[in-house]
Amino acid sequence: MSGILVLKKSIVERVTPETDQLTTKNLAMVSWAVAHLHKVRPDLSVSVGELLEAVGANACKRGMRVFFAGELASIAWALSKCQAKHEGFFIKFSEHLIAKGTSGFSSQDLANVLCAFVNADCGDDELFNVLATAAGKNQHFNRLEKTMVNWAFTQLPHIAAPKLQ
């Protein structure tokens, strides 16, 4: 077994039952880490989905308001990247974004969140309009982020795509 797979297995086995003990930053970091490890070494013998579902459930239990924007973006990205279904997380996150907006989100966070909702097939027109407005105002997207945002809106043809700066 490769070192990456051993590391991924160890993280999943040790952290999954203890998500309540982690800080919001730790939840975001472990989500991001296992998603990257899974990308590098996808192996179905280690269920990263189980850990990510526990993180999503824990985030819902704590409430979105206790997380920083980047932490929520990391969790959403990881759930989407690993195709871990957690509709509850996406519903709560969507409600949070609609109510609070995207203040505090970096351009990378914004692009990742938009793509995560599209990839997870979650979100509604109200959410995507909030994200479109935020993307249209963002002046800091790099080329990859612009590509991500443009791709996401090709998947949402009934939502007006923002004009990126």
C-alpha atoms as a PDB file:
ATOM      1  CA  MET A   1       0.000   0.000   0.000  1.00  0.00           C
ATOM      2  CA  SER A   2       1.466   3.360  -0.943  1.00  0.00           C
ATOM      3  CA  GLY A   3       2.299   5.935   1.699  1.00  0.00           C
ATOM      4  CA  ILE A   4      -0.448   8.272   0.493  1.00  0.00           C
ATOM      5  CA  LEU A   5      -3.073   5.565   0.807  1.00  0.00           C
ATOM      6  CA  VAL A   6      -1.818   4.692   4.314  1.00  0.00           C
ATOM      7  CA  LEU A   7      -2.000   8.364   5.297  1.00  0.00           C
ATOM      8  CA  LYS A   8      -5.490   8.771   3.817  1.00  0.00           C
ATOM      9  CA  LYS A   9      -6.711   5.633   5.598  1.00  0.00           C
ATOM     10  CA  SER A  10      -5.229   6.777   8.894  1.00  0.00           C
ATOM     11  CA  ILE A  11      -6.834  10.226   8.657  1.00  0.00           C
ATOM     12  CA  VAL A  12     -10.246   8.813   7.757  1.00  0.00           C
ATOM     13  CA  GLU A  13     -10.209   6.172  10.514  1.00  0.00           C
ATOM     14  CA  ARG A  14      -8.970   8.488  13.248  1.00  0.00           C
ATOM     15  CA  VAL A  15     -10.851  11.668  12.429  1.00  0.00           C
ATOM     16  CA  THR A  16     -14.298  10.421  11.329  1.00  0.00           C
ATOM     17  CA  PRO A  17     -15.499   9.498  14.833  1.00  0.00           C
ATOM     18  CA  GLU A  18     -14.026  12.669  16.351  1.00  0.00           C
ATOM     19  CA  THR A  19     -15.292  15.508  14.148  1.00  0.00           C
ATOM     20  CA  ASP A  20     -16.991  17.046  17.203  1.00  0.00           C
ATOM     21  CA  GLN A  21     -13.547  17.546  18.742  1.00  0.00           C
ATOM     22  CA  LEU A  22     -12.174  19.576  15.821  1.00  0.00           C
ATOM     23  CA  THR A  23     -12.201  23.331  15.366  1.00  0.00           C
ATOM     24  CA  THR A  24     -13.932  24.781  12.323  1.00  0.00           C
ATOM     25  CA  LYS A  25     -10.503  25.390  10.801  1.00  0.00           C
ATOM     26  CA  ASN A  26      -9.523  21.766  11.432  1.00  0.00           C
ATOM     27  CA  LEU A  27     -12.747  20.545   9.790  1.00  0.00           C
ATOM     28  CA  ALA A  28     -11.980  22.629   6.719  1.00  0.00           C
ATOM     29  CA  MET A  29      -8.332  21.583   6.596  1.00  0.00           C
ATOM     30  CA  VAL A  30      -9.029  17.872   6.983  1.00  0.00           C
ATOM     31  CA  SER A  31     -11.725  18.092   4.276  1.00  0.00           C
ATOM     32  CA  TRP A  32      -9.317  19.777   1.906  1.00  0.00           C
ATOM     33  CA  ALA A  33      -6.521  17.335   2.757  1.00  0.00           C
ATOM     34  CA  VAL A  34      -8.483  14.128   2.237  1.00  0.00           C
ATOM     35  CA  ALA A  35      -9.968  15.469  -1.000  1.00  0.00           C
ATOM     36  CA  HIS A  36      -6.469  16.140  -2.324  1.00  0.00           C
ATOM     37  CA  LEU A  37      -5.183  12.778  -1.130  1.00  0.00           C
ATOM     38  CA  HIS A  38      -8.166  11.141  -2.803  1.00  0.00           C
ATOM     39  CA  LYS A  39      -7.393  12.967  -6.056  1.00  0.00           C
ATOM     40  CA  VAL A  40      -3.788  11.785  -5.920  1.00  0.00           C
ATOM     41  CA  ARG A  41      -4.617   8.220  -4.871  1.00  0.00           C
ATOM     42  CA  PRO A  42      -8.255   7.335  -5.507  1.00  0.00           C
ATOM     43  CA  ASP A  43      -8.836   3.984  -3.873  1.00  0.00           C
ATOM     44  CA  LEU A  44     -12.273   2.734  -2.924  1.00  0.00           C
ATOM     45  CA  SER A  45     -10.876   0.756   0.003  1.00  0.00           C
ATOM     46  CA  VAL A  46     -10.704   4.048   1.934  1.00  0.00           C
ATOM     47  CA  SER A  47     -14.033   5.830   2.178  1.00  0.00           C
ATOM     48  CA  VAL A  48     -13.267   9.536   2.272  1.00  0.00           C
ATOM     49  CA  GLY A  49     -16.987  10.052   1.718  1.00  0.00           C
ATOM     50  CA  GLU A  50     -17.669   8.787   5.224  1.00  0.00           C
ATOM     51  CA  LEU A  51     -15.376  11.408   6.742  1.00  0.00           C
ATOM     52  CA  LEU A  52     -16.681  14.182   4.498  1.00  0.00           C
ATOM     53  CA  GLU A  53     -20.267  13.302   5.348  1.00  0.00           C
ATOM     54  CA  ALA A  54     -19.367  13.494   9.047  1.00  0.00           C
ATOM     55  CA  VAL A  55     -17.773  16.903   8.467  1.00  0.00           C
ATOM     56  CA  GLY A  56     -20.857  18.105   6.582  1.00  0.00           C
ATOM     57  CA  ALA A  57     -23.162  16.869   9.323  1.00  0.00           C
ATOM     58  CA  ASN A  58     -20.991  18.499  11.958  1.00  0.00           C
ATOM     59  CA  ALA A  59     -21.008  21.811  10.068  1.00  0.00           C
ATOM     60  CA  CYS A  60     -24.806  21.688   9.898  1.00  0.00           C
ATOM     61  CA  LYS A  61     -25.009  20.954  13.615  1.00  0.00           C
ATOM     62  CA  ARG A  62     -22.696  23.858  14.514  1.00  0.00           C
ATOM     63  CA  GLY A  63     -24.330  26.251  12.075  1.00  0.00           C
ATOM     64  CA  MET A  64     -22.733  27.989   9.109  1.00  0.00           C
ATOM     65  CA  ARG A  65     -22.346  31.291  10.952  1.00  0.00           C
ATOM     66  CA  VAL A  66     -19.527  29.915  13.156  1.00  0.00           C
ATOM     67  CA  PHE A  67     -17.337  29.168  10.126  1.00  0.00           C
ATOM     68  CA  PHE A  68     -15.152  31.603   8.219  1.00  0.00           C
ATOM     69  CA  ALA A  69     -15.964  31.949   4.522  1.00  0.00           C
ATOM     70  CA  GLY A  70     -12.862  30.062   3.374  1.00  0.00           C
ATOM     71  CA  GLU A  71     -13.622  27.185   5.731  1.00  0.00           C
ATOM     72  CA  LEU A  72     -17.087  26.724   4.245  1.00  0.00           C
ATOM     73  CA  ALA A  73     -15.628  26.976   0.740  1.00  0.00           C
ATOM     74  CA  SER A  74     -13.079  24.251   1.538  1.00  0.00           C
ATOM     75  CA  ILE A  75     -15.732  21.906   2.893  1.00  0.00           C
ATOM     76  CA  ALA A  76     -18.059  22.485  -0.073  1.00  0.00           C
ATOM     77  CA  TRP A  77     -15.174  21.987  -2.523  1.00  0.00           C
ATOM     78  CA  ALA A  78     -14.107  18.741  -0.821  1.00  0.00           C
ATOM     79  CA  LEU A  79     -17.646  17.320  -0.740  1.00  0.00           C
ATOM     80  CA  SER A  80     -18.075  18.116  -4.411  1.00  0.00           C
ATOM     81  CA  LYS A  81     -14.608  16.963  -5.498  1.00  0.00           C
ATOM     82  CA  CYS A  82     -15.080  13.582  -3.827  1.00  0.00           C
ATOM     83  CA  GLN A  83     -18.716  13.329  -4.894  1.00  0.00           C
ATOM     84  CA  ALA A  84     -19.758  12.911  -1.275  1.00  0.00           C
ATOM     85  CA  LYS A  85     -23.461  13.553  -1.150  1.00  0.00           C
ATOM     86  CA  HIS A  86     -24.512  15.860   1.641  1.00  0.00           C
ATOM     87  CA  GLU A  87     -27.591  17.698   0.513  1.00  0.00           C
ATOM     88  CA  GLY A  88     -28.160  18.986   4.050  1.00  0.00           C
ATOM     89  CA  PHE A  89     -24.835  20.829   4.051  1.00  0.00           C
ATOM     90  CA  PHE A  90     -25.501  22.398   0.666  1.00  0.00           C
ATOM     91  CA  ILE A  91     -29.003  23.474   1.709  1.00  0.00           C
ATOM     92  CA  LYS A  92     -27.738  25.109   4.915  1.00  0.00           C
ATOM     93  CA  PHE A  93     -24.803  26.696   3.083  1.00  0.00           C
ATOM     94  CA  SER A  94     -27.128  28.012   0.373  1.00  0.00           C
ATOM     95  CA  GLU A  95     -29.438  29.540   2.976  1.00  0.00           C
ATOM     96  CA  HIS A  96     -26.405  31.131   4.641  1.00  0.00           C
ATOM     97  CA  LEU A  97     -25.129  32.596   1.367  1.00  0.00           C
ATOM     98  CA  ILE A  98     -28.526  33.981   0.436  1.00  0.00           C
ATOM     99  CA  ALA A  99     -28.945  35.558   3.882  1.00  0.00           C
ATOM    100  CA  LYS A 100     -25.393  36.773   4.480  1.00  0.00           C
ATOM    101  CA  GLY A 101     -23.890  37.132   1.002  1.00  0.00           C
ATOM    102  CA  THR A 102     -20.335  36.329   0.007  1.00  0.00           C
ATOM    103  CA  SER A 103     -18.416  38.811   2.120  1.00  0.00           C
ATOM    104  CA  GLY A 104     -15.075  37.324   3.147  1.00  0.00           C
ATOM    105  CA  PHE A 105     -14.832  34.963   0.197  1.00  0.00           C
ATOM    106  CA  SER A 106     -11.641  35.143  -1.846  1.00  0.00           C
ATOM    107  CA  SER A 107     -11.866  34.841  -5.607  1.00  0.00           C
ATOM    108  CA  GLN A 108     -10.751  31.202  -5.274  1.00  0.00           C
ATOM    109  CA  ASP A 109     -13.413  30.569  -2.616  1.00  0.00           C
ATOM    110  CA  LEU A 110     -16.091  32.087  -4.826  1.00  0.00           C
ATOM    111  CA  ALA A 111     -15.100  30.033  -7.885  1.00  0.00           C
ATOM    112  CA  ASN A 112     -14.869  26.837  -5.807  1.00  0.00           C
ATOM    113  CA  VAL A 113     -18.228  27.403  -4.115  1.00  0.00           C
ATOM    114  CA  LEU A 114     -19.968  28.090  -7.404  1.00  0.00           C
ATOM    115  CA  CYS A 115     -18.512  24.951  -9.010  1.00  0.00           C
ATOM    116  CA  ALA A 116     -19.225  22.870  -5.894  1.00  0.00           C
ATOM    117  CA  PHE A 117     -22.925  23.758  -5.990  1.00  0.00           C
ATOM    118  CA  VAL A 118     -23.103  23.042  -9.718  1.00  0.00           C
ATOM    119  CA  ASN A 119     -21.220  19.735  -9.412  1.00  0.00           C
ATOM    120  CA  ALA A 120     -23.332  18.651  -6.438  1.00  0.00           C
ATOM    121  CA  ASP A 121     -26.476  19.535  -8.397  1.00  0.00           C
ATOM    122  CA  CYS A 122     -27.618  21.662  -5.478  1.00  0.00           C
ATOM    123  CA  GLY A 123     -28.714  25.244  -5.262  1.00  0.00           C
ATOM    124  CA  ASP A 124     -31.524  27.211  -6.803  1.00  0.00           C
ATOM    125  CA  ASP A 125     -31.889  30.297  -8.965  1.00  0.00           C
ATOM    126  CA  GLU A 126     -31.793  32.622  -5.951  1.00  0.00           C
ATOM    127  CA  LEU A 127     -28.435  31.212  -4.830  1.00  0.00           C
ATOM    128  CA  PHE A 128     -26.942  31.248  -8.312  1.00  0.00           C
ATOM    129  CA  ASN A 129     -28.036  34.846  -8.795  1.00  0.00           C
ATOM    130  CA  VAL A 130     -26.279  35.782  -5.520  1.00  0.00           C
ATOM    131  CA  LEU A 131     -23.145  34.032  -6.747  1.00  0.00           C
ATOM    132  CA  ALA A 132     -23.421  35.610 -10.209  1.00  0.00           C
ATOM    133  CA  THR A 133     -23.659  39.072  -8.681  1.00  0.00           C
ATOM    134  CA  ALA A 134     -20.640  38.418  -6.463  1.00  0.00           C
ATOM    135  CA  ALA A 135     -18.638  37.014  -9.376  1.00  0.00           C
ATOM    136  CA  GLY A 136     -19.506  40.014 -11.520  1.00  0.00           C
ATOM    137  CA  LYS A 137     -18.167  42.365  -8.843  1.00  0.00           C
ATOM    138  CA  ASN A 138     -14.979  40.386  -8.216  1.00  0.00           C
ATOM    139  CA  GLN A 139     -11.938  41.980  -9.816  1.00  0.00           C
ATOM    140  CA  HIS A 140      -9.384  39.427  -8.670  1.00  0.00           C
ATOM    141  CA  PHE A 141     -10.198  36.205 -10.525  1.00  0.00           C
ATOM    142  CA  ASN A 142      -7.155  34.625 -12.116  1.00  0.00           C
ATOM    143  CA  ARG A 143      -7.412  32.846 -15.450  1.00  0.00           C
ATOM    144  CA  LEU A 144      -8.274  29.435 -13.928  1.00  0.00           C
ATOM    145  CA  GLU A 145     -10.925  30.922 -11.663  1.00  0.00           C
ATOM    146  CA  LYS A 146     -12.482  32.766 -14.609  1.00  0.00           C
ATOM    147  CA  THR A 147     -12.558  29.483 -16.513  1.00  0.00           C
ATOM    148  CA  MET A 148     -14.253  27.783 -13.552  1.00  0.00           C
ATOM    149  CA  VAL A 149     -16.877  30.532 -13.199  1.00  0.00           C
ATOM    150  CA  ASN A 150     -17.573  30.572 -16.939  1.00  0.00           C
ATOM    151  CA  TRP A 151     -17.892  26.762 -16.990  1.00  0.00           C
ATOM    152  CA  ALA A 152     -20.324  26.818 -14.062  1.00  0.00           C
ATOM    153  CA  PHE A 153     -22.620  29.256 -15.839  1.00  0.00           C
ATOM    154  CA  THR A 154     -22.597  27.116 -19.006  1.00  0.00           C
ATOM    155  CA  GLN A 155     -24.228  24.498 -16.768  1.00  0.00           C
ATOM    156  CA  LEU A 156     -26.852  27.053 -15.730  1.00  0.00           C
ATOM    157  CA  PRO A 157     -28.040  28.436 -19.064  1.00  0.00           C
ATOM    158  CA  HIS A 158     -31.151  30.038 -17.553  1.00  0.00           C
ATOM    159  CA  ILE A 159     -29.044  32.202 -15.186  1.00  0.00           C
ATOM    160  CA  ALA A 160     -27.371  35.269 -16.666  1.00  0.00           C
ATOM    161  CA  ALA A 161     -23.625  34.724 -16.563  1.00  0.00           C
ATOM    162  CA  PRO A 162     -21.702  37.606 -15.043  1.00  0.00           C
ATOM    163  CA  LYS A 163     -19.339  39.709 -17.090  1.00  0.00           C
ATOM    164  CA  LEU A 164     -15.984  38.995 -15.497  1.00  0.00           C
ATOM    165  CA  GLN A 165     -13.467  41.776 -15.108  1.00  0.00           C
END
